[in-house]
Amino acid sequence: MITQVAQLLGNFRESIERIDAQFKNLQTQVNYSTIYLKSEAPIASIPELDCPLNLQIKETWESSTYAAKNMMFRLLKTGI
């Protein structure tokens, strides 16, 4: 009877040690795990041209000359 109890305790202790070893192994795996994250932005669609190219060039030229004129006036006002 005592030998059976001792054998059951030995089996129980062996099970505990095996579970403890598995637990420590899992903790090590968690500590060394790496997460890879890949994020992608959606591709922007190119707007279709509503007006002809020569009109776009004209509007761009006008807005850039207007901006340059305003910048010159502001620089002159700052200097005065």
C-alpha atoms as a PDB file:
ATOM      1  CA  MET A   1       0.000   0.000   0.000  1.00  0.00           C
ATOM      2  CA  ILE A   2       2.768   2.455   0.907  1.00  0.00           C
ATOM      3  CA  THR A   3       4.626   1.606  -2.287  1.00  0.00           C
ATOM      4  CA  GLN A   4       1.492   2.320  -4.334  1.00  0.00           C
ATOM      5  CA  VAL A   5       1.047   5.719  -2.628  1.00  0.00           C
ATOM      6  CA  ALA A   6       4.730   6.482  -3.175  1.00  0.00           C
ATOM      7  CA  GLN A   7       4.379   5.511  -6.842  1.00  0.00           C
ATOM      8  CA  LEU A   8       1.262   7.703  -7.249  1.00  0.00           C
ATOM      9  CA  LEU A   9       3.066  10.626  -5.608  1.00  0.00           C
ATOM     10  CA  GLY A  10       6.041  10.043  -7.913  1.00  0.00           C
ATOM     11  CA  ASN A  11       3.747  10.028 -10.964  1.00  0.00           C
ATOM     12  CA  PHE A  12       2.007  13.134  -9.698  1.00  0.00           C
ATOM     13  CA  ARG A  13       5.341  14.908  -9.101  1.00  0.00           C
ATOM     14  CA  GLU A  14       6.505  13.873 -12.601  1.00  0.00           C
ATOM     15  CA  SER A  15       3.322  15.330 -14.113  1.00  0.00           C
ATOM     16  CA  ILE A  16       3.823  18.590 -12.213  1.00  0.00           C
ATOM     17  CA  GLU A  17       7.442  18.856 -13.369  1.00  0.00           C
ATOM     18  CA  ARG A  18       6.432  18.123 -16.981  1.00  0.00           C
ATOM     19  CA  ILE A  19       3.706  20.795 -16.879  1.00  0.00           C
ATOM     20  CA  ASP A  20       6.139  23.250 -15.262  1.00  0.00           C
ATOM     21  CA  ALA A  21       8.709  22.586 -18.016  1.00  0.00           C
ATOM     22  CA  GLN A  22       6.044  23.143 -20.685  1.00  0.00           C
ATOM     23  CA  PHE A  23       4.994  26.370 -18.966  1.00  0.00           C
ATOM     24  CA  LYS A  24       8.575  27.663 -18.867  1.00  0.00           C
ATOM     25  CA  ASN A  25       9.009  26.717 -22.526  1.00  0.00           C
ATOM     26  CA  LEU A  26       5.871  28.645 -23.473  1.00  0.00           C
ATOM     27  CA  GLN A  27       7.048  31.683 -21.492  1.00  0.00           C
ATOM     28  CA  THR A  28      10.341  31.629 -23.402  1.00  0.00           C
ATOM     29  CA  GLN A  29       8.499  31.405 -26.708  1.00  0.00           C
ATOM     30  CA  VAL A  30       6.348  34.402 -25.778  1.00  0.00           C
ATOM     31  CA  ASN A  31       9.410  36.403 -24.749  1.00  0.00           C
ATOM     32  CA  TYR A  32      11.103  35.777 -28.093  1.00  0.00           C
ATOM     33  CA  SER A  33       8.091  36.073 -30.354  1.00  0.00           C
ATOM     34  CA  THR A  34       8.100  38.704 -33.067  1.00  0.00           C
ATOM     35  CA  ILE A  35       5.136  40.387 -34.664  1.00  0.00           C
ATOM     36  CA  TYR A  36       5.394  41.538 -38.264  1.00  0.00           C
ATOM     37  CA  LEU A  37       2.975  44.235 -39.336  1.00  0.00           C
ATOM     38  CA  LYS A  38       2.492  45.380 -42.887  1.00  0.00           C
ATOM     39  CA  SER A  39       0.282  48.328 -43.590  1.00  0.00           C
ATOM     40  CA  GLU A  40      -0.641  49.598 -46.994  1.00  0.00           C
ATOM     41  CA  ALA A  41      -2.426  52.757 -47.975  1.00  0.00           C
ATOM     42  CA  PRO A  42      -5.032  52.563 -50.686  1.00  0.00           C
ATOM     43  CA  ILE A  43      -3.893  53.700 -54.086  1.00  0.00           C
ATOM     44  CA  ALA A  44      -5.140  57.194 -54.811  1.00  0.00           C
ATOM     45  CA  SER A  45      -7.100  57.496 -57.983  1.00  0.00           C
ATOM     46  CA  ILE A  46      -5.955  60.039 -60.519  1.00  0.00           C
ATOM     47  CA  PRO A  47      -8.716  62.527 -61.239  1.00  0.00           C
ATOM     48  CA  GLU A  48      -9.788  62.711 -64.817  1.00  0.00           C
ATOM     49  CA  LEU A  49      -9.112  65.927 -66.680  1.00  0.00           C
ATOM     50  CA  ASP A  50     -12.325  67.915 -66.933  1.00  0.00           C
ATOM     51  CA  CYS A  51     -10.836  70.722 -68.979  1.00  0.00           C
ATOM     52  CA  PRO A  52      -8.292  70.741 -71.792  1.00  0.00           C
ATOM     53  CA  LEU A  53      -4.580  70.860 -71.052  1.00  0.00           C
ATOM     54  CA  ASN A  54      -4.043  74.389 -72.416  1.00  0.00           C
ATOM     55  CA  LEU A  55      -6.714  75.737 -70.040  1.00  0.00           C
ATOM     56  CA  GLN A  56      -5.085  73.968 -67.095  1.00  0.00           C
ATOM     57  CA  ILE A  57      -1.690  75.424 -68.018  1.00  0.00           C
ATOM     58  CA  LYS A  58      -3.244  78.912 -68.236  1.00  0.00           C
ATOM     59  CA  GLU A  59      -4.931  78.570 -64.831  1.00  0.00           C
ATOM     60  CA  THR A  60      -1.724  77.258 -63.279  1.00  0.00           C
ATOM     61  CA  TRP A  61       0.282  80.153 -64.712  1.00  0.00           C
ATOM     62  CA  GLU A  62      -2.241  82.695 -63.460  1.00  0.00           C
ATOM     63  CA  SER A  63      -2.338  81.255 -59.939  1.00  0.00           C
ATOM     64  CA  SER A  64       1.466  81.047 -59.731  1.00  0.00           C
ATOM     65  CA  THR A  65       1.969  84.636 -60.929  1.00  0.00           C
ATOM     66  CA  TYR A  66      -0.715  85.792 -58.466  1.00  0.00           C
ATOM     67  CA  ALA A  67       1.091  83.987 -55.630  1.00  0.00           C
ATOM     68  CA  ALA A  68       4.464  85.458 -56.688  1.00  0.00           C
ATOM     69  CA  LYS A  69       2.956  88.965 -56.834  1.00  0.00           C
ATOM     70  CA  ASN A  70       1.467  88.602 -53.354  1.00  0.00           C
ATOM     71  CA  MET A  71       4.758  87.326 -51.983  1.00  0.00           C
ATOM     72  CA  MET A  72       6.633  90.300 -53.458  1.00  0.00           C
ATOM     73  CA  PHE A  73       4.145  92.780 -51.954  1.00  0.00           C
ATOM     74  CA  ARG A  74       4.436  91.116 -48.531  1.00  0.00           C
ATOM     75  CA  LEU A  75       8.239  91.190 -48.720  1.00  0.00           C
ATOM     76  CA  LEU A  76       8.160  94.866 -49.675  1.00  0.00           C
ATOM     77  CA  LYS A  77       5.751  95.673 -46.819  1.00  0.00           C
ATOM     78  CA  THR A  78       7.989  93.787 -44.394  1.00  0.00           C
ATOM     79  CA  GLY A  79      11.013  95.754 -45.601  1.00  0.00           C
ATOM     80  CA  ILE A  80       9.268  99.115 -45.181  1.00  0.00           C
END
